[in-house]
Amino acid sequence: MNKLTKRQKDEIAALAALPDERVDTTDVPELMDWDDARRGQFYRPLKKPVTIRLDADVLAWFKAHSDKYQTAINQALRDYISSSAK
């Protein structure tokens, strides 16, 4: 990835300092239809292989409800973290 020049950094800082109402977005079409949106297309969190011991019935439930049971377990853990942080 190319490094930003001082001029580019100054331009970005000036834009960031602008209040939202001063930003001209008239040339940007408003996107109302999100049907083709894809989540996670650009950001992929780092994955780490782990060994975890789960109760057999818990693992069986996740496997019965999703072919991607490891992803489902990861999402359940993320949901738990989000609900616990509040």
C-alpha atoms as a PDB file:
ATOM      1  CA  MET A   1       0.000   0.000   0.000  1.00  0.00           C
ATOM      2  CA  ASN A   2       1.314   3.420  -0.930  1.00  0.00           C
ATOM      3  CA  LYS A   3       2.067   5.886   1.835  1.00  0.00           C
ATOM      4  CA  LEU A   4       0.166   9.161   1.867  1.00  0.00           C
ATOM      5  CA  THR A   5       1.970  12.368   1.076  1.00  0.00           C
ATOM      6  CA  LYS A   6       1.884  15.288   3.508  1.00  0.00           C
ATOM      7  CA  ARG A   7      -0.502  17.082   1.153  1.00  0.00           C
ATOM      8  CA  GLN A   8      -2.872  14.099   1.108  1.00  0.00           C
ATOM      9  CA  LYS A   9      -2.739  13.826   4.894  1.00  0.00           C
ATOM     10  CA  ASP A  10      -3.501  17.560   5.202  1.00  0.00           C
ATOM     11  CA  GLU A  11      -6.481  17.220   2.820  1.00  0.00           C
ATOM     12  CA  ILE A  12      -7.855  14.290   4.799  1.00  0.00           C
ATOM     13  CA  ALA A  13      -7.448  16.188   8.065  1.00  0.00           C
ATOM     14  CA  ALA A  14      -9.248  19.219   6.588  1.00  0.00           C
ATOM     15  CA  LEU A  15     -12.121  17.033   5.385  1.00  0.00           C
ATOM     16  CA  ALA A  16     -12.370  15.269   8.738  1.00  0.00           C
ATOM     17  CA  ALA A  17     -12.610  18.635  10.478  1.00  0.00           C
ATOM     18  CA  LEU A  18     -15.590  19.727   8.367  1.00  0.00           C
ATOM     19  CA  PRO A  19     -18.992  19.492  10.064  1.00  0.00           C
ATOM     20  CA  ASP A  20     -21.329  16.988   8.357  1.00  0.00           C
ATOM     21  CA  GLU A  21     -23.661  19.708   7.060  1.00  0.00           C
ATOM     22  CA  ARG A  22     -20.778  21.301   5.111  1.00  0.00           C
ATOM     23  CA  VAL A  23     -19.909  18.104   3.244  1.00  0.00           C
ATOM     24  CA  ASP A  24     -21.377  18.190  -0.290  1.00  0.00           C
ATOM     25  CA  THR A  25     -22.817  14.790  -1.177  1.00  0.00           C
ATOM     26  CA  THR A  26     -25.043  15.928  -4.058  1.00  0.00           C
ATOM     27  CA  ASP A  27     -22.968  13.977  -6.586  1.00  0.00           C
ATOM     28  CA  VAL A  28     -23.267  10.738  -4.599  1.00  0.00           C
ATOM     29  CA  PRO A  29     -26.412   8.730  -5.365  1.00  0.00           C
ATOM     30  CA  GLU A  30     -28.384   7.665  -2.318  1.00  0.00           C
ATOM     31  CA  LEU A  31     -28.368   3.903  -1.959  1.00  0.00           C
ATOM     32  CA  MET A  32     -31.711   2.591  -0.783  1.00  0.00           C
ATOM     33  CA  ASP A  33     -31.604  -1.032  -1.973  1.00  0.00           C
ATOM     34  CA  TRP A  34     -29.297  -3.199   0.144  1.00  0.00           C
ATOM     35  CA  ASP A  35     -30.385  -6.536  -1.385  1.00  0.00           C
ATOM     36  CA  ASP A  36     -27.010  -7.128  -3.055  1.00  0.00           C
ATOM     37  CA  ALA A  37     -24.964  -6.005  -0.030  1.00  0.00           C
ATOM     38  CA  ARG A  38     -22.366  -8.482   1.202  1.00  0.00           C
ATOM     39  CA  ARG A  39     -21.200  -8.416   4.769  1.00  0.00           C
ATOM     40  CA  GLY A  40     -17.518  -8.936   5.486  1.00  0.00           C
ATOM     41  CA  GLN A  41     -16.387  -8.502   1.892  1.00  0.00           C
ATOM     42  CA  PHE A  42     -13.480  -6.238   2.790  1.00  0.00           C
ATOM     43  CA  TYR A  43     -12.826  -6.935   6.471  1.00  0.00           C
ATOM     44  CA  ARG A  44     -11.909 -10.420   7.555  1.00  0.00           C
ATOM     45  CA  PRO A  45     -10.994 -10.824  11.204  1.00  0.00           C
ATOM     46  CA  LEU A  46      -7.925 -12.873  11.954  1.00  0.00           C
ATOM     47  CA  LYS A  47      -8.861 -16.479  12.740  1.00  0.00           C
ATOM     48  CA  LYS A  48      -6.907 -18.613  15.190  1.00  0.00           C
ATOM     49  CA  PRO A  49      -7.252 -22.374  15.438  1.00  0.00           C
ATOM     50  CA  VAL A  50      -8.110 -23.507  18.966  1.00  0.00           C
ATOM     51  CA  THR A  51      -9.084 -26.668  20.756  1.00  0.00           C
ATOM     52  CA  ILE A  52     -12.180 -26.276  22.908  1.00  0.00           C
ATOM     53  CA  ARG A  53     -14.145 -28.840  24.863  1.00  0.00           C
ATOM     54  CA  LEU A  54     -17.909 -28.477  24.425  1.00  0.00           C
ATOM     55  CA  ASP A  55     -20.703 -30.551  25.820  1.00  0.00           C
ATOM     56  CA  ALA A  56     -21.738 -33.141  23.235  1.00  0.00           C
ATOM     57  CA  ASP A  57     -25.344 -31.925  23.153  1.00  0.00           C
ATOM     58  CA  VAL A  58     -24.253 -28.322  22.553  1.00  0.00           C
ATOM     59  CA  LEU A  59     -22.052 -29.350  19.640  1.00  0.00           C
ATOM     60  CA  ALA A  60     -24.799 -31.608  18.256  1.00  0.00           C
ATOM     61  CA  TRP A  61     -27.285 -28.721  18.381  1.00  0.00           C
ATOM     62  CA  PHE A  62     -24.995 -26.386  16.421  1.00  0.00           C
ATOM     63  CA  LYS A  63     -24.190 -29.114  13.878  1.00  0.00           C
ATOM     64  CA  ALA A  64     -27.911 -29.867  13.433  1.00  0.00           C
ATOM     65  CA  HIS A  65     -28.762 -26.211  12.818  1.00  0.00           C
ATOM     66  CA  SER A  66     -25.943 -25.195  10.493  1.00  0.00           C
ATOM     67  CA  ASP A  67     -23.483 -26.734   8.075  1.00  0.00           C
ATOM     68  CA  LYS A  68     -21.176 -23.915   9.153  1.00  0.00           C
ATOM     69  CA  TYR A  69     -21.461 -24.790  12.831  1.00  0.00           C
ATOM     70  CA  GLN A  70     -18.048 -23.349  13.719  1.00  0.00           C
ATOM     71  CA  THR A  71     -19.116 -19.984  12.274  1.00  0.00           C
ATOM     72  CA  ALA A  72     -22.403 -20.252  14.196  1.00  0.00           C
ATOM     73  CA  ILE A  73     -20.541 -20.936  17.455  1.00  0.00           C
ATOM     74  CA  ASN A  74     -18.253 -17.973  16.756  1.00  0.00           C
ATOM     75  CA  GLN A  75     -21.308 -15.744  16.152  1.00  0.00           C
ATOM     76  CA  ALA A  76     -22.948 -16.967  19.366  1.00  0.00           C
ATOM     77  CA  LEU A  77     -19.784 -16.043  21.271  1.00  0.00           C
ATOM     78  CA  ARG A  78     -19.694 -12.617  19.577  1.00  0.00           C
ATOM     79  CA  ASP A  79     -23.346 -12.035  20.516  1.00  0.00           C
ATOM     80  CA  TYR A  80     -22.555 -12.984  24.107  1.00  0.00           C
ATOM     81  CA  ILE A  81     -19.642 -10.543  24.194  1.00  0.00           C
ATOM     82  CA  SER A  82     -21.804  -7.748  22.767  1.00  0.00           C
ATOM     83  CA  SER A  83     -24.589  -8.333  25.269  1.00  0.00           C
ATOM     84  CA  SER A  84     -22.148  -8.562  28.184  1.00  0.00           C
ATOM     85  CA  ALA A  85     -20.335  -5.332  27.292  1.00  0.00           C
ATOM     86  CA  LYS A  86     -23.425  -3.187  27.804  1.00  0.00           C
END
